[in-house]
Amino acid sequence: MEKNRLRELRKLKKVTQSEIAEKLGVSQAQVARIEAGINDINTEQMRKLAEILQVKPYELLPLEEQPDVLSDEEKEILQMIRKSSHSNRANNNNPPPQTEAKADITKQTQSPKER
């Protein structure tokens, strides 16, 4: 299993290990070790690499570890669910007035002391 996609993305963007090393502030050998999966990268290095390669940081992860990308339709459905959920929470803070039948049931279930 690959540790990262640095080599693949670097070659795709036509950037050399030396250029990456210079911008990252490490040696070319260090970049080679990162590509080989010998050395790990920290969060800050991942951010810088993503910026250098003009990709999102998660794109440096192996494909099987990347988040699923939602289609436009899935994003729209998710927005509708979130809006609905938000509306339901707002409505729960202001419950509708009790109907007479519901109030009557409440009275029947209360003990005489509670009435």
PDB file of N, CA and C in Angstrom:
ATOM      1  N   MET A   1       0.845  -1.184   0.000  1.00  0.00           N
ATOM      2  CA  MET A   1       0.000   0.000   0.000  1.00  0.00           C
ATOM      3  C   MET A   1       0.892   1.250   0.000  1.00  0.00           C
ATOM      4  N   GLU A   2       0.527   2.195  -0.842  1.00  0.00           N
ATOM      5  CA  GLU A   2       1.314   3.420  -0.901  1.00  0.00           C
ATOM      6  C   GLU A   2       1.054   4.295   0.323  1.00  0.00           C
ATOM      7  N   LYS A   3       2.066   5.041   0.727  1.00  0.00           N
ATOM      8  CA  LYS A   3       1.949   5.932   1.883  1.00  0.00           C
ATOM      9  C   LYS A   3       1.395   7.292   1.494  1.00  0.00           C
ATOM     10  N   ASN A   4       1.705   7.735   0.281  1.00  0.00           N
ATOM     11  CA  ASN A   4       1.225   9.031  -0.202  1.00  0.00           C
ATOM     12  C   ASN A   4       1.314   9.051  -1.720  1.00  0.00           C
ATOM     13  N   ARG A   5       0.772  10.103  -2.317  1.00  0.00           N
ATOM     14  CA  ARG A   5       0.763  10.226  -3.777  1.00  0.00           C
ATOM     15  C   ARG A   5       1.700  11.334  -4.249  1.00  0.00           C
ATOM     16  N   LEU A   6       2.677  11.694  -3.433  1.00  0.00           N
ATOM     17  CA  LEU A   6       3.563  12.800  -3.753  1.00  0.00           C
ATOM     18  C   LEU A   6       4.264  12.609  -5.105  1.00  0.00           C
ATOM     19  N   ARG A   7       4.869  11.456  -5.319  1.00  0.00           N
ATOM     20  CA  ARG A   7       5.604  11.220  -6.570  1.00  0.00           C
ATOM     21  C   ARG A   7       4.663  11.357  -7.769  1.00  0.00           C
ATOM     22  N   GLU A   8       3.519  10.714  -7.688  1.00  0.00           N
ATOM     23  CA  GLU A   8       2.539  10.754  -8.780  1.00  0.00           C
ATOM     24  C   GLU A   8       2.099  12.187  -9.088  1.00  0.00           C
ATOM     25  N   LEU A   9       1.747  12.935  -8.065  1.00  0.00           N
ATOM     26  CA  LEU A   9       1.285  14.312  -8.262  1.00  0.00           C
ATOM     27  C   LEU A   9       2.418  15.231  -8.723  1.00  0.00           C
ATOM     28  N   ARG A  10       3.598  15.015  -8.191  1.00  0.00           N
ATOM     29  CA  ARG A  10       4.751  15.834  -8.574  1.00  0.00           C
ATOM     30  C   ARG A  10       5.056  15.656 -10.060  1.00  0.00           C
ATOM     31  N   LYS A  11       5.036  14.412 -10.519  1.00  0.00           N
ATOM     32  CA  LYS A  11       5.313  14.151 -11.938  1.00  0.00           C
ATOM     33  C   LYS A  11       4.191  14.694 -12.828  1.00  0.00           C
ATOM     34  N   LEU A  12       2.973  14.564 -12.362  1.00  0.00           N
ATOM     35  CA  LEU A  12       1.825  15.089 -13.106  1.00  0.00           C
ATOM     36  C   LEU A  12       1.927  16.604 -13.296  1.00  0.00           C
ATOM     37  N   LYS A  13       2.426  17.275 -12.261  1.00  0.00           N
ATOM     38  CA  LYS A  13       2.575  18.739 -12.301  1.00  0.00           C
ATOM     39  C   LYS A  13       3.919  19.175 -12.879  1.00  0.00           C
ATOM     40  N   LYS A  14       4.753  18.192 -13.237  1.00  0.00           N
ATOM     41  CA  LYS A  14       6.072  18.456 -13.829  1.00  0.00           C
ATOM     42  C   LYS A  14       6.955  19.312 -12.918  1.00  0.00           C
ATOM     43  N   VAL A  15       7.027  18.875 -11.658  1.00  0.00           N
ATOM     44  CA  VAL A  15       7.862  19.552 -10.649  1.00  0.00           C
ATOM     45  C   VAL A  15       8.935  18.555 -10.224  1.00  0.00           C
ATOM     46  N   THR A  16      10.155  19.014 -10.043  1.00  0.00           N
ATOM     47  CA  THR A  16      11.250  18.118  -9.641  1.00  0.00           C
ATOM     48  C   THR A  16      11.311  17.985  -8.120  1.00  0.00           C
ATOM     49  N   GLN A  17      11.980  16.943  -7.670  1.00  0.00           N
ATOM     50  CA  GLN A  17      12.211  16.762  -6.234  1.00  0.00           C
ATOM     51  C   GLN A  17      12.982  17.953  -5.673  1.00  0.00           C
ATOM     52  N   SER A  18      13.941  18.457  -6.437  1.00  0.00           N
ATOM     53  CA  SER A  18      14.747  19.597  -5.980  1.00  0.00           C
ATOM     54  C   SER A  18      13.887  20.842  -5.788  1.00  0.00           C
ATOM     55  N   GLU A  19      12.952  21.073  -6.701  1.00  0.00           N
ATOM     56  CA  GLU A  19      12.055  22.234  -6.568  1.00  0.00           C
ATOM     57  C   GLU A  19      11.169  22.103  -5.332  1.00  0.00           C
ATOM     58  N   ILE A  20      10.655  20.898  -5.124  1.00  0.00           N
ATOM     59  CA  ILE A  20       9.833  20.638  -3.928  1.00  0.00           C
ATOM     60  C   ILE A  20      10.679  20.878  -2.679  1.00  0.00           C
ATOM     61  N   ALA A  21      11.883  20.325  -2.663  1.00  0.00           N
ATOM     62  CA  ALA A  21      12.774  20.441  -1.506  1.00  0.00           C
ATOM     63  C   ALA A  21      13.050  21.902  -1.171  1.00  0.00           C
ATOM     64  N   GLU A  22      13.349  22.692  -2.191  1.00  0.00           N
ATOM     65  CA  GLU A  22      13.659  24.101  -1.977  1.00  0.00           C
ATOM     66  C   GLU A  22      12.462  24.844  -1.370  1.00  0.00           C
ATOM     67  N   LYS A  23      11.285  24.614  -1.917  1.00  0.00           N
ATOM     68  CA  LYS A  23      10.081  25.302  -1.430  1.00  0.00           C
ATOM     69  C   LYS A  23       9.646  24.796  -0.059  1.00  0.00           C
ATOM     70  N   LEU A  24       9.958  23.524   0.214  1.00  0.00           N
ATOM     71  CA  LEU A  24       9.575  22.916   1.490  1.00  0.00           C
ATOM     72  C   LEU A  24      10.610  23.163   2.579  1.00  0.00           C
ATOM     73  N   GLY A  25      11.814  23.544   2.168  1.00  0.00           N
ATOM     74  CA  GLY A  25      12.880  23.803   3.136  1.00  0.00           C
ATOM     75  C   GLY A  25      13.535  22.545   3.666  1.00  0.00           C
ATOM     76  N   VAL A  26      13.594  21.513   2.808  1.00  0.00           N
ATOM     77  CA  VAL A  26      14.248  20.255   3.184  1.00  0.00           C
ATOM     78  C   VAL A  26      15.197  19.864   2.051  1.00  0.00           C
ATOM     79  N   SER A  27      15.947  18.791   2.243  1.00  0.00           N
ATOM     80  CA  SER A  27      16.858  18.333   1.192  1.00  0.00           C
ATOM     81  C   SER A  27      16.092  17.530   0.138  1.00  0.00           C
ATOM     82  N   GLN A  28      16.725  17.393  -1.022  1.00  0.00           N
ATOM     83  CA  GLN A  28      16.136  16.580  -2.096  1.00  0.00           C
ATOM     84  C   GLN A  28      16.045  15.126  -1.636  1.00  0.00           C
ATOM     85  N   ALA A  29      17.022  14.671  -0.860  1.00  0.00           N
ATOM     86  CA  ALA A  29      17.003  13.304  -0.334  1.00  0.00           C
ATOM     87  C   ALA A  29      15.806  13.086   0.592  1.00  0.00           C
ATOM     88  N   GLN A  30      15.471  14.116   1.364  1.00  0.00           N
ATOM     89  CA  GLN A  30      14.307  14.036   2.269  1.00  0.00           C
ATOM     90  C   GLN A  30      13.019  13.864   1.445  1.00  0.00           C
ATOM     91  N   VAL A  31      12.906  14.608   0.344  1.00  0.00           N
ATOM     92  CA  VAL A  31      11.728  14.490  -0.531  1.00  0.00           C
ATOM     93  C   VAL A  31      11.658  13.072  -1.108  1.00  0.00           C
ATOM     94  N   ALA A  32      12.803  12.544  -1.516  1.00  0.00           N
ATOM     95  CA  ALA A  32      12.849  11.175  -2.055  1.00  0.00           C
ATOM     96  C   ALA A  32      12.383  10.169  -1.005  1.00  0.00           C
ATOM     97  N   ARG A  33      12.794  10.366   0.255  1.00  0.00           N
ATOM     98  CA  ARG A  33      12.385   9.448   1.337  1.00  0.00           C
ATOM     99  C   ARG A  33      10.885   9.579   1.626  1.00  0.00           C
ATOM    100  N   ILE A  34      10.348  10.784   1.520  1.00  0.00           N
ATOM    101  CA  ILE A  34       8.901  10.978   1.710  1.00  0.00           C
ATOM    102  C   ILE A  34       8.144  10.259   0.598  1.00  0.00           C
ATOM    103  N   GLU A  35       8.602  10.447  -0.647  1.00  0.00           N
ATOM    104  CA  GLU A  35       7.951   9.773  -1.781  1.00  0.00           C
ATOM    105  C   GLU A  35       7.987   8.260  -1.642  1.00  0.00           C
ATOM    106  N   ALA A  36       9.091   7.745  -1.136  1.00  0.00           N
ATOM    107  CA  ALA A  36       9.253   6.300  -0.983  1.00  0.00           C
ATOM    108  C   ALA A  36       8.474   5.753   0.214  1.00  0.00           C
ATOM    109  N   GLY A  37       7.935   6.634   1.037  1.00  0.00           N
ATOM    110  CA  GLY A  37       7.193   6.187   2.209  1.00  0.00           C
ATOM    111  C   GLY A  37       8.090   5.848   3.383  1.00  0.00           C
ATOM    112  N   ILE A  38       9.368   6.193   3.291  1.00  0.00           N
ATOM    113  CA  ILE A  38      10.315   5.934   4.384  1.00  0.00           C
ATOM    114  C   ILE A  38      10.098   6.942   5.502  1.00  0.00           C
ATOM    115  N   ASN A  39       9.918   8.207   5.110  1.00  0.00           N
ATOM    116  CA  ASN A  39       9.656   9.275   6.082  1.00  0.00           C
ATOM    117  C   ASN A  39       8.221   9.763   5.931  1.00  0.00           C
ATOM    118  N   ASP A  40       7.598  10.063   7.045  1.00  0.00           N
ATOM    119  CA  ASP A  40       6.250  10.627   7.025  1.00  0.00           C
ATOM    120  C   ASP A  40       6.337  12.146   6.945  1.00  0.00           C
ATOM    121  N   ILE A  41       5.217  12.759   6.600  1.00  0.00           N
ATOM    122  CA  ILE A  41       5.157  14.221   6.591  1.00  0.00           C
ATOM    123  C   ILE A  41       4.198  14.682   7.676  1.00  0.00           C
ATOM    124  N   ASN A  42       4.479  15.850   8.218  1.00  0.00           N
ATOM    125  CA  ASN A  42       3.585  16.397   9.235  1.00  0.00           C
ATOM    126  C   ASN A  42       2.521  17.261   8.556  1.00  0.00           C
ATOM    127  N   THR A  43       1.606  17.757   9.336  1.00  0.00           N
ATOM    128  CA  THR A  43       0.487  18.528   8.805  1.00  0.00           C
ATOM    129  C   THR A  43       0.949  19.771   8.054  1.00  0.00           C
ATOM    130  N   GLU A  44       1.906  20.489   8.610  1.00  0.00           N
ATOM    131  CA  GLU A  44       2.387  21.701   7.960  1.00  0.00           C
ATOM    132  C   GLU A  44       3.052  21.376   6.620  1.00  0.00           C
ATOM    133  N   GLN A  45       3.840  20.312   6.580  1.00  0.00           N
ATOM    134  CA  GLN A  45       4.461  19.909   5.328  1.00  0.00           C
ATOM    135  C   GLN A  45       3.405  19.507   4.298  1.00  0.00           C
ATOM    136  N   MET A  46       2.347  18.847   4.770  1.00  0.00           N
ATOM    137  CA  MET A  46       1.277  18.445   3.866  1.00  0.00           C
ATOM    138  C   MET A  46       0.598  19.675   3.264  1.00  0.00           C
ATOM    139  N   ARG A  47       0.361  20.680   4.105  1.00  0.00           N
ATOM    140  CA  ARG A  47      -0.248  21.924   3.601  1.00  0.00           C
ATOM    141  C   ARG A  47       0.642  22.587   2.548  1.00  0.00           C
ATOM    142  N   LYS A  48       1.947  22.657   2.851  1.00  0.00           N
ATOM    143  CA  LYS A  48       2.883  23.287   1.914  1.00  0.00           C
ATOM    144  C   LYS A  48       2.976  22.504   0.614  1.00  0.00           C
ATOM    145  N   LEU A  49       3.043  21.183   0.712  1.00  0.00           N
ATOM    146  CA  LEU A  49       3.099  20.352  -0.490  1.00  0.00           C
ATOM    147  C   LEU A  49       1.850  20.550  -1.347  1.00  0.00           C
ATOM    148  N   ALA A  50       0.701  20.595  -0.697  1.00  0.00           N
ATOM    149  CA  ALA A  50      -0.555  20.804  -1.421  1.00  0.00           C
ATOM    150  C   ALA A  50      -0.543  22.147  -2.136  1.00  0.00           C
ATOM    151  N   GLU A  51      -0.032  23.158  -1.471  1.00  0.00           N
ATOM    152  CA  GLU A  51       0.054  24.485  -2.074  1.00  0.00           C
ATOM    153  C   GLU A  51       1.020  24.468  -3.261  1.00  0.00           C
ATOM    154  N   ILE A  52       2.177  23.854  -3.088  1.00  0.00           N
ATOM    155  CA  ILE A  52       3.176  23.771  -4.156  1.00  0.00           C
ATOM    156  C   ILE A  52       2.599  23.054  -5.383  1.00  0.00           C
ATOM    157  N   LEU A  53       1.888  21.960  -5.136  1.00  0.00           N
ATOM    158  CA  LEU A  53       1.366  21.139  -6.228  1.00  0.00           C
ATOM    159  C   LEU A  53      -0.026  21.575  -6.685  1.00  0.00           C
ATOM    160  N   GLN A  54      -0.572  22.575  -6.028  1.00  0.00           N
ATOM    161  CA  GLN A  54      -1.904  23.104  -6.346  1.00  0.00           C
ATOM    162  C   GLN A  54      -2.977  22.017  -6.310  1.00  0.00           C
ATOM    163  N   VAL A  55      -2.982  21.297  -5.180  1.00  0.00           N
ATOM    164  CA  VAL A  55      -3.996  20.267  -4.928  1.00  0.00           C
ATOM    165  C   VAL A  55      -4.533  20.486  -3.511  1.00  0.00           C
ATOM    166  N   LYS A  56      -5.572  19.781  -3.170  1.00  0.00           N
ATOM    167  CA  LYS A  56      -6.075  19.821  -1.797  1.00  0.00           C
ATOM    168  C   LYS A  56      -5.225  18.859  -0.970  1.00  0.00           C
ATOM    169  N   PRO A  57      -5.002  19.171   0.308  1.00  0.00           N
ATOM    170  CA  PRO A  57      -4.122  18.310   1.114  1.00  0.00           C
ATOM    171  C   PRO A  57      -4.515  16.834   1.109  1.00  0.00           C
ATOM    172  N   TYR A  58      -5.812  16.538   1.147  1.00  0.00           N
ATOM    173  CA  TYR A  58      -6.214  15.125   1.182  1.00  0.00           C
ATOM    174  C   TYR A  58      -5.824  14.379  -0.102  1.00  0.00           C
ATOM    175  N   GLU A  59      -5.585  15.102  -1.187  1.00  0.00           N
ATOM    176  CA  GLU A  59      -5.209  14.460  -2.437  1.00  0.00           C
ATOM    177  C   GLU A  59      -3.816  13.837  -2.368  1.00  0.00           C
ATOM    178  N   LEU A  60      -3.032  14.214  -1.365  1.00  0.00           N
ATOM    179  CA  LEU A  60      -1.719  13.599  -1.169  1.00  0.00           C
ATOM    180  C   LEU A  60      -1.836  12.218  -0.529  1.00  0.00           C
ATOM    181  N   LEU A  61      -2.986  11.927   0.060  1.00  0.00           N
ATOM    182  CA  LEU A  61      -3.203  10.622   0.690  1.00  0.00           C
ATOM    183  C   LEU A  61      -3.413   9.546  -0.368  1.00  0.00           C
ATOM    184  N   PRO A  62      -3.151   8.287  -0.029  1.00  0.00           N
ATOM    185  CA  PRO A  62      -3.472   7.211  -0.965  1.00  0.00           C
ATOM    186  C   PRO A  62      -4.961   7.263  -1.323  1.00  0.00           C
ATOM    187  N   LEU A  63      -5.304   6.842  -2.524  1.00  0.00           N
ATOM    188  CA  LEU A  63      -6.690   6.936  -2.988  1.00  0.00           C
ATOM    189  C   LEU A  63      -7.684   6.269  -2.039  1.00  0.00           C
ATOM    190  N   GLU A  64      -7.312   5.129  -1.474  1.00  0.00           N
ATOM    191  CA  GLU A  64      -8.248   4.418  -0.588  1.00  0.00           C
ATOM    192  C   GLU A  64      -8.479   5.149   0.734  1.00  0.00           C
ATOM    193  N   GLU A  65      -7.665   6.131   1.049  1.00  0.00           N
ATOM    194  CA  GLU A  65      -7.840   6.899   2.283  1.00  0.00           C
ATOM    195  C   GLU A  65      -8.478   8.265   2.048  1.00  0.00           C
ATOM    196  N   GLN A  66      -8.759   8.580   0.793  1.00  0.00           N
ATOM    197  CA  GLN A  66      -9.347   9.881   0.483  1.00  0.00           C
ATOM    198  C   GLN A  66     -10.859   9.841   0.721  1.00  0.00           C
ATOM    199  N   PRO A  67     -11.427  10.984   1.095  1.00  0.00           N
ATOM    200  CA  PRO A  67     -12.880  11.028   1.293  1.00  0.00           C
ATOM    201  C   PRO A  67     -13.597  10.856  -0.036  1.00  0.00           C
ATOM    202  N   ASP A  68     -14.806  10.310   0.039  1.00  0.00           N
ATOM    203  CA  ASP A  68     -15.622  10.181  -1.154  1.00  0.00           C
ATOM    204  C   ASP A  68     -16.066  11.563  -1.610  1.00  0.00           C
ATOM    205  N   VAL A  69     -16.069  11.775  -2.898  1.00  0.00           N
ATOM    206  CA  VAL A  69     -16.506  13.045  -3.456  1.00  0.00           C
ATOM    207  C   VAL A  69     -17.994  12.927  -3.775  1.00  0.00           C
ATOM    208  N   LEU A  70     -18.747  13.915  -3.321  1.00  0.00           N
ATOM    209  CA  LEU A  70     -20.187  13.896  -3.558  1.00  0.00           C
ATOM    210  C   LEU A  70     -20.511  14.500  -4.916  1.00  0.00           C
ATOM    211  N   SER A  71     -21.505  13.917  -5.572  1.00  0.00           N
ATOM    212  CA  SER A  71     -21.984  14.496  -6.824  1.00  0.00           C
ATOM    213  C   SER A  71     -22.798  15.741  -6.494  1.00  0.00           C
ATOM    214  N   ASP A  72     -23.091  16.554  -7.513  1.00  0.00           N
ATOM    215  CA  ASP A  72     -23.901  17.760  -7.292  1.00  0.00           C
ATOM    216  C   ASP A  72     -25.271  17.387  -6.730  1.00  0.00           C
ATOM    217  N   GLU A  73     -25.837  16.301  -7.231  1.00  0.00           N
ATOM    218  CA  GLU A  73     -27.149  15.847  -6.748  1.00  0.00           C
ATOM    219  C   GLU A  73     -27.074  15.448  -5.274  1.00  0.00           C
ATOM    220  N   GLU A  74     -26.012  14.734  -4.886  1.00  0.00           N
ATOM    221  CA  GLU A  74     -25.846  14.326  -3.493  1.00  0.00           C
ATOM    222  C   GLU A  74     -25.657  15.544  -2.588  1.00  0.00           C
ATOM    223  N   LYS A  75     -24.917  16.546  -3.066  1.00  0.00           N
ATOM    224  CA  LYS A  75     -24.731  17.772  -2.290  1.00  0.00           C
ATOM    225  C   LYS A  75     -26.060  18.485  -2.073  1.00  0.00           C
ATOM    226  N   GLU A  76     -26.897  18.518  -3.108  1.00  0.00           N
ATOM    227  CA  GLU A  76     -28.208  19.165  -3.005  1.00  0.00           C
ATOM    228  C   GLU A  76     -29.095  18.440  -1.995  1.00  0.00           C
ATOM    229  N   ILE A  77     -29.084  17.120  -2.045  1.00  0.00           N
ATOM    230  CA  ILE A  77     -29.870  16.327  -1.091  1.00  0.00           C
ATOM    231  C   ILE A  77     -29.378  16.578   0.328  1.00  0.00           C
ATOM    232  N   LEU A  78     -28.069  16.620   0.509  1.00  0.00           N
ATOM    233  CA  LEU A  78     -27.494  16.872   1.825  1.00  0.00           C
ATOM    234  C   LEU A  78     -27.904  18.244   2.345  1.00  0.00           C
ATOM    235  N   GLN A  79     -27.901  19.254   1.480  1.00  0.00           N
ATOM    236  CA  GLN A  79     -28.334  20.595   1.885  1.00  0.00           C
ATOM    237  C   GLN A  79     -29.792  20.592   2.312  1.00  0.00           C
ATOM    238  N   MET A  80     -30.638  19.862   1.584  1.00  0.00           N
ATOM    239  CA  MET A  80     -32.066  19.794   1.941  1.00  0.00           C
ATOM    240  C   MET A  80     -32.247  19.130   3.297  1.00  0.00           C
ATOM    241  N   ILE A  81     -31.482  18.070   3.549  1.00  0.00           N
ATOM    242  CA  ILE A  81     -31.566  17.376   4.844  1.00  0.00           C
ATOM    243  C   ILE A  81     -31.123  18.306   5.965  1.00  0.00           C
ATOM    244  N   ARG A  82     -30.040  19.031   5.737  1.00  0.00           N
ATOM    245  CA  ARG A  82     -29.547  19.957   6.762  1.00  0.00           C
ATOM    246  C   ARG A  82     -30.551  21.063   7.035  1.00  0.00           C
ATOM    247  N   LYS A  83     -31.169  21.612   5.984  1.00  0.00           N
ATOM    248  CA  LYS A  83     -32.183  22.651   6.168  1.00  0.00           C
ATOM    249  C   LYS A  83     -33.367  22.107   6.946  1.00  0.00           C
ATOM    250  N   SER A  84     -33.800  20.911   6.588  1.00  0.00           N
ATOM    251  CA  SER A  84     -34.928  20.276   7.269  1.00  0.00           C
ATOM    252  C   SER A  84     -34.594  20.032   8.736  1.00  0.00           C
ATOM    253  N   SER A  85     -33.390  19.546   8.985  1.00  0.00           N
ATOM    254  CA  SER A  85     -32.955  19.290  10.355  1.00  0.00           C
ATOM    255  C   SER A  85     -32.909  20.584  11.149  1.00  0.00           C
ATOM    256  N   HIS A  86     -32.398  21.644  10.527  1.00  0.00           N
ATOM    257  CA  HIS A  86     -32.319  22.945  11.190  1.00  0.00           C
ATOM    258  C   HIS A  86     -33.727  23.460  11.513  1.00  0.00           C
ATOM    259  N   SER A  87     -34.652  23.306  10.556  1.00  0.00           N
ATOM    260  CA  SER A  87     -36.039  23.753  10.768  1.00  0.00           C
ATOM    261  C   SER A  87     -36.692  22.966  11.902  1.00  0.00           C
ATOM    262  N   ASN A  88     -36.431  21.662  11.939  1.00  0.00           N
ATOM    263  CA  ASN A  88     -37.016  20.826  13.000  1.00  0.00           C
ATOM    264  C   ASN A  88     -36.503  21.238  14.370  1.00  0.00           C
ATOM    265  N   ARG A  89     -35.212  21.562  14.454  1.00  0.00           N
ATOM    266  CA  ARG A  89     -34.660  22.001  15.739  1.00  0.00           C
ATOM    267  C   ARG A  89     -35.275  23.321  16.165  1.00  0.00           C
ATOM    268  N   ALA A  90     -35.472  24.215  15.222  1.00  0.00           N
ATOM    269  CA  ALA A  90     -36.085  25.513  15.539  1.00  0.00           C
ATOM    270  C   ALA A  90     -37.518  25.317  15.995  1.00  0.00           C
ATOM    271  N   ASN A  91     -38.242  24.402  15.340  1.00  0.00           N
ATOM    272  CA  ASN A  91     -39.635  24.142  15.721  1.00  0.00           C
ATOM    273  C   ASN A  91     -39.728  23.454  17.080  1.00  0.00           C
ATOM    274  N   ASN A  92     -38.745  22.642  17.437  1.00  0.00           N
ATOM    275  CA  ASN A  92     -38.757  21.964  18.730  1.00  0.00           C
ATOM    276  C   ASN A  92     -38.575  22.953  19.873  1.00  0.00           C
ATOM    277  N   ASN A  93     -37.936  24.074  19.594  1.00  0.00           N
ATOM    278  CA  ASN A  93     -37.781  25.103  20.616  1.00  0.00           C
ATOM    279  C   ASN A  93     -39.080  25.848  20.862  1.00  0.00           C
ATOM    280  N   ASN A  94     -39.970  25.856  19.886  1.00  0.00           N
ATOM    281  CA  ASN A  94     -41.287  26.491  19.996  1.00  0.00           C
ATOM    282  C   ASN A  94     -42.350  25.471  19.617  1.00  0.00           C
ATOM    283  N   PRO A  95     -42.687  24.543  20.512  1.00  0.00           N
ATOM    284  CA  PRO A  95     -43.650  23.501  20.156  1.00  0.00           C
ATOM    285  C   PRO A  95     -45.027  24.112  19.890  1.00  0.00           C
ATOM    286  N   PRO A  96     -45.813  23.471  19.001  1.00  0.00           N
ATOM    287  CA  PRO A  96     -47.143  23.987  18.708  1.00  0.00           C
ATOM    288  C   PRO A  96     -48.034  23.883  19.943  1.00  0.00           C
ATOM    289  N   PRO A  97     -49.062  24.727  20.033  1.00  0.00           N
ATOM    290  CA  PRO A  97     -49.951  24.662  21.199  1.00  0.00           C
ATOM    291  C   PRO A  97     -50.667  23.316  21.249  1.00  0.00           C
ATOM    292  N   GLN A  98     -50.969  22.859  22.459  1.00  0.00           N
ATOM    293  CA  GLN A  98     -51.637  21.582  22.613  1.00  0.00           C
ATOM    294  C   GLN A  98     -53.072  21.673  22.110  1.00  0.00           C
ATOM    295  N   THR A  99     -53.496  20.584  21.486  1.00  0.00           N
ATOM    296  CA  THR A  99     -54.897  20.515  21.077  1.00  0.00           C
ATOM    297  C   THR A  99     -55.730  20.126  22.277  1.00  0.00           C
ATOM    298  N   GLU A 100     -57.052  20.309  22.179  1.00  0.00           N
ATOM    299  CA  GLU A 100     -57.922  19.964  23.310  1.00  0.00           C
ATOM    300  C   GLU A 100     -57.822  18.485  23.644  1.00  0.00           C
ATOM    301  N   ALA A 101     -57.746  17.624  22.628  1.00  0.00           N
ATOM    302  CA  ALA A 101     -57.669  16.185  22.873  1.00  0.00           C
ATOM    303  C   ALA A 101     -56.385  15.837  23.607  1.00  0.00           C
ATOM    304  N   LYS A 102     -55.281  16.442  23.205  1.00  0.00           N
ATOM    305  CA  LYS A 102     -54.010  16.172  23.858  1.00  0.00           C
ATOM    306  C   LYS A 102     -54.035  16.682  25.297  1.00  0.00           C
ATOM    307  N   ALA A 103     -54.617  17.863  25.511  1.00  0.00           N
ATOM    308  CA  ALA A 103     -54.722  18.408  26.864  1.00  0.00           C
ATOM    309  C   ALA A 103     -55.584  17.511  27.735  1.00  0.00           C
ATOM    310  N   ASP A 104     -56.660  16.954  27.161  1.00  0.00           N
ATOM    311  CA  ASP A 104     -57.550  16.068  27.906  1.00  0.00           C
ATOM    312  C   ASP A 104     -56.823  14.793  28.313  1.00  0.00           C
ATOM    313  N   ILE A 105     -56.021  14.236  27.408  1.00  0.00           N
ATOM    314  CA  ILE A 105     -55.245  13.024  27.713  1.00  0.00           C
ATOM    315  C   ILE A 105     -54.257  13.330  28.837  1.00  0.00           C
ATOM    316  N   THR A 106     -53.632  14.485  28.786  1.00  0.00           N
ATOM    317  CA  THR A 106     -52.676  14.874  29.815  1.00  0.00           C
ATOM    318  C   THR A 106     -53.361  14.923  31.172  1.00  0.00           C
ATOM    319  N   LYS A 107     -54.565  15.489  31.225  1.00  0.00           N
ATOM    320  CA  LYS A 107     -55.307  15.562  32.489  1.00  0.00           C
ATOM    321  C   LYS A 107     -55.629  14.175  33.012  1.00  0.00           C
ATOM    322  N   GLN A 108     -55.987  13.257  32.106  1.00  0.00           N
ATOM    323  CA  GLN A 108     -56.351  11.904  32.520  1.00  0.00           C
ATOM    324  C   GLN A 108     -55.162  11.145  33.091  1.00  0.00           C
ATOM    325  N   THR A 109     -53.963  11.420  32.620  1.00  0.00           N
ATOM    326  CA  THR A 109     -52.789  10.688  33.081  1.00  0.00           C
ATOM    327  C   THR A 109     -52.183  11.294  34.327  1.00  0.00           C
ATOM    328  N   GLN A 110     -52.610  12.492  34.700  1.00  0.00           N
ATOM    329  CA  GLN A 110     -52.076  13.109  35.911  1.00  0.00           C
ATOM    330  C   GLN A 110     -52.833  12.607  37.133  1.00  0.00           C
ATOM    331  N   SER A 111     -52.129  12.554  38.241  1.00  0.00           N
ATOM    332  CA  SER A 111     -52.786  12.179  39.493  1.00  0.00           C
ATOM    333  C   SER A 111     -53.620  13.369  39.953  1.00  0.00           C
ATOM    334  N   PRO A 112     -54.598  13.159  40.831  1.00  0.00           N
ATOM    335  CA  PRO A 112     -55.446  14.258  41.298  1.00  0.00           C
ATOM    336  C   PRO A 112     -54.630  15.396  41.915  1.00  0.00           C
ATOM    337  N   LYS A 113     -53.521  15.095  42.555  1.00  0.00           N
ATOM    338  CA  LYS A 113     -52.704  16.144  43.175  1.00  0.00           C
ATOM    339  C   LYS A 113     -52.075  17.040  42.119  1.00  0.00           C
ATOM    340  N   GLU A 114     -51.740  16.477  40.939  1.00  0.00           N
ATOM    341  CA  GLU A 114     -51.094  17.250  39.878  1.00  0.00           C
ATOM    342  C   GLU A 114     -52.064  18.174  39.162  1.00  0.00           C
ATOM    343  N   ARG A 115     -53.363  17.843  39.183  1.00  0.00           N
ATOM    344  CA  ARG A 115     -54.350  18.660  38.480  1.00  0.00           C
ATOM    345  C   ARG A 115     -54.557  19.898  39.228  1.00  0.00           C
TER     346      ARG A 115
END
